[in-house]
Protein backbone atom coordinates (compact mmCIF):
# COMPACT_ATOMS: atom_id res chain seq x y z
CA MET A 1 28.24 -186.69 173.26
CA SER A 2 24.33 -187.58 173.28
CA ASP A 3 23.73 -183.97 172.10
CA LYS A 4 25.90 -184.75 168.97
CA ILE A 5 24.18 -187.98 168.04
CA ASP A 6 21.04 -186.48 168.52
CA PHE A 7 21.85 -183.49 165.98
CA GLN A 8 23.38 -186.23 163.39
CA SER A 9 19.74 -188.27 163.88
CA LEU A 10 17.92 -184.99 163.61
CA SER A 11 20.24 -183.98 160.42
CA PHE A 12 19.54 -187.35 158.62
CA GLY A 13 15.94 -187.44 159.46
CA MET A 14 15.63 -184.36 157.82
CA ARG A 15 17.75 -184.90 154.68
CA ARG A 16 15.79 -188.29 154.27
CA ILE A 17 12.49 -186.87 154.49
CA GLY A 18 13.24 -183.88 152.46
CA TRP A 19 14.35 -185.77 149.55
CA MET A 20 11.39 -188.27 150.12
CA ARG A 21 9.02 -185.35 149.95
CA PHE A 22 10.97 -183.47 147.30
CA TRP A 23 10.88 -186.47 144.62
CA ILE A 24 7.41 -187.70 145.17
CA GLN A 25 5.97 -184.11 144.95
CA ALA A 26 8.41 -183.51 141.63
CA ILE A 27 7.26 -186.58 140.34
CA LEU A 28 3.62 -186.02 140.85
CA GLY A 29 4.07 -182.27 139.69
CA VAL A 30 5.33 -183.58 136.33
CA VAL A 31 2.31 -185.77 135.86
CA VAL A 32 -0.13 -183.11 136.46
CA THR A 33 1.60 -180.61 134.70
CA ALA A 34 1.67 -183.24 131.60
CA VAL A 35 -1.84 -183.94 132.30
CA LEU A 36 -2.75 -180.09 132.36
CA ILE A 37 -0.97 -179.25 129.48
CA PHE A 38 -2.38 -182.07 127.40
CA SER A 39 -6.12 -181.34 128.48
CA ASN A 40 -5.57 -177.56 127.67
CA PHE A 41 -4.08 -178.72 123.74
CA VAL A 42 -6.79 -181.33 123.26
CA SER A 43 -9.80 -180.23 124.77
CA ASP A 44 -12.96 -179.95 122.28
CA SER A 45 -15.68 -179.12 124.34
CA GLU A 46 -18.36 -177.96 121.70
CA GLY A 47 -21.80 -177.98 123.76
CA GLN A 48 -20.30 -179.03 126.74
CA LEU A 49 -19.91 -177.67 130.20
CA SER A 50 -16.75 -176.03 130.80
CA LEU A 51 -14.05 -177.52 133.32
CA SER A 52 -11.89 -174.21 132.96
CA THR A 53 -12.59 -173.43 136.77
CA GLY A 54 -12.04 -176.72 138.28
CA LEU A 55 -8.71 -176.62 136.17
CA SER A 56 -7.66 -173.34 136.99
CA LEU A 57 -7.88 -174.09 140.59
CA THR A 58 -6.21 -177.45 139.85
CA SER A 59 -3.35 -174.83 138.41
CA ILE A 60 -3.27 -172.84 141.38
CA SER A 61 -2.78 -176.06 143.63
CA LEU A 62 -0.05 -176.75 141.02
CA ILE A 63 1.76 -173.62 141.34
CA LEU A 64 1.33 -174.00 145.66
CA LEU A 65 2.88 -177.73 144.73
CA LEU A 66 6.05 -175.80 143.05
CA PHE A 67 6.40 -173.78 145.95
CA SER A 68 6.20 -177.07 147.97
CA ILE A 69 9.09 -178.53 146.21
CA TRP A 70 11.12 -175.39 146.38
CA GLN A 71 10.39 -175.93 150.53
CA SER A 72 11.63 -179.56 150.11
CA TRP A 73 14.75 -178.60 148.87
CA LEU A 74 14.98 -175.77 151.87
CA ILE A 75 14.45 -178.49 154.30
CA ILE A 76 17.16 -180.74 152.77
CA ARG A 77 19.72 -177.95 153.19
CA THR A 78 18.39 -177.28 156.94
CA GLY A 79 19.12 -180.77 157.79
CA ARG A 80 22.92 -180.32 156.10
CA ALA A 81 23.28 -177.51 158.34
CA ILE A 82 22.17 -178.99 161.26
CA GLY A 83 24.55 -181.83 160.91
CA SER A 84 27.46 -179.01 160.86
CA ASN A 85 28.73 -176.79 163.26
CA ALA A 86 26.80 -173.82 161.75
CA ARG A 87 23.34 -175.41 162.84
CA PRO A 88 20.07 -173.01 162.52
CA SER A 89 18.01 -172.22 165.68
CA ARG A 90 15.00 -174.88 166.53
CA GLY A 91 12.73 -171.74 165.75
CA GLN A 92 14.12 -171.00 162.24
CA THR A 93 13.83 -174.79 161.27
CA SER A 94 10.31 -174.85 162.97
CA LYS A 95 9.12 -171.75 161.15
CA LEU A 96 10.51 -173.42 157.85
CA ILE A 97 8.60 -176.61 158.10
CA LYS A 98 5.24 -174.45 159.51
CA ARG A 99 5.96 -172.40 155.97
CA GLY A 100 5.49 -175.41 153.95
CA LEU A 101 2.75 -177.25 155.90
CA PHE A 102 0.51 -173.70 155.42
CA ASN A 103 1.20 -173.95 151.90
CA ASP A 104 0.53 -177.63 151.46
CA LEU A 105 -2.90 -176.83 153.61
CA LEU A 106 -3.69 -174.09 151.13
CA GLY A 107 -2.76 -176.57 148.23
CA VAL A 108 -5.19 -179.05 149.54
CA LEU A 109 -7.94 -176.28 149.89
CA PHE A 110 -7.58 -175.10 146.37
CA GLY A 111 -7.53 -178.66 144.88
CA LEU A 112 -10.27 -179.90 146.94
CA ILE A 113 -12.54 -176.87 145.57
CA GLY A 114 -11.24 -177.75 142.11
CA ASN A 115 -12.20 -181.40 142.36
CA GLN A 116 -15.52 -180.41 143.82
CA THR A 117 -16.07 -177.92 140.75
CA LEU A 118 -14.69 -180.70 138.32
CA ILE A 119 -16.97 -183.38 139.46
CA GLY A 120 -19.92 -181.23 139.76
CA VAL A 121 -19.60 -180.38 136.26
CA LEU A 122 -19.11 -183.89 135.03
CA PHE A 123 -21.85 -184.91 137.01
CA LEU A 124 -24.15 -182.26 135.31
CA GLN A 125 -22.99 -183.27 131.69
CA SER A 126 -23.41 -186.77 132.49
CA THR A 127 -27.12 -186.24 133.82
CA SER A 128 -28.08 -183.88 131.25
CA GLU A 129 -30.78 -184.75 128.81
CA LYS A 130 -29.79 -186.30 125.67
CA ALA A 131 -31.05 -184.89 122.43
CA VAL A 132 -31.81 -188.43 120.59
CA ILE A 133 -32.19 -191.44 122.96
CA GLY A 134 -29.95 -194.36 121.98
CA ILE A 135 -27.55 -192.18 120.21
CA ASN A 136 -24.22 -190.80 121.76
CA SER A 137 -24.39 -187.21 121.99
CA ASN A 138 -21.92 -184.23 122.49
CA TYR A 139 -22.83 -184.40 126.40
CA ASP A 140 -21.11 -187.81 127.48
CA VAL A 141 -18.29 -187.79 129.70
CA THR A 142 -14.74 -188.09 127.72
CA GLY A 143 -11.82 -189.97 128.99
CA LEU A 144 -9.94 -186.55 129.05
CA GLU A 145 -12.32 -185.14 131.32
CA ILE A 146 -11.99 -187.91 133.76
CA PHE A 147 -8.09 -187.83 133.23
CA SER A 148 -8.41 -183.98 134.46
CA VAL A 149 -10.07 -185.15 137.44
CA LEU A 150 -7.51 -187.80 137.83
CA SER A 151 -4.31 -185.05 137.95
CA ASN A 152 -6.32 -182.72 140.41
CA SER A 153 -6.43 -186.12 142.80
CA GLN A 154 -3.02 -186.48 142.12
CA VAL A 155 -2.29 -182.57 143.36
CA ILE A 156 -4.30 -183.48 146.30
CA PHE A 157 -2.00 -186.48 147.30
CA ALA A 158 0.91 -184.67 146.62
CA HIS A 159 -0.20 -182.00 148.91
CA PHE A 160 -1.40 -184.34 151.43
CA LEU A 161 2.13 -186.29 151.63
CA GLY A 162 3.97 -182.63 151.89
CA ILE A 163 1.30 -182.13 155.42
CA SER A 164 2.35 -185.62 156.56
CA PHE A 165 6.13 -185.06 156.20
CA SER A 166 5.91 -181.68 157.71
CA LEU A 167 3.97 -182.79 160.61
CA TRP A 168 6.31 -185.54 161.22
CA LEU A 169 9.41 -183.53 160.88
CA LEU A 170 7.43 -180.66 163.36
CA ARG A 171 7.05 -184.01 165.64
CA ARG A 172 10.85 -184.63 165.30
CA ILE A 173 12.07 -181.37 166.10
CA TYR A 174 10.18 -180.63 169.27
CA ASN A 175 10.95 -184.04 170.67
């Protein structure tokens, strides 16, 4: 009887964490996608340093976030399966969670490299010499560029939450 209660508790926890992870990452993914699309269509960077490398790395991190959202859906399905009689093994479940954890770690890596690239370019742009002192030149940092850094921070945060949820689930499975 205790074994059945443990499986029901694990099933409930995996489904709940899976849904939380799914919706948080999906919402942040939509925001990041909107910002990236907006920054690509509105960008007018005549004479300014290019943010394309940082935005490309952010896009790679976003693609990894989409895979992480799919992993969240698989975690929800696995949670449902644990609650039924046809439950997956501990090894299969931990392999699924570890795959999502590795994906989120890669997403954080690409996001952090992209963040450093974006901030470095904006620093160089803001500290470059102005053509005429006292008059705004083309080298000012715009709100759109800061918006791009914000989207990068959001994708890193989404991956961080994925890592946190995955670690909690692994601890829950092995206890």
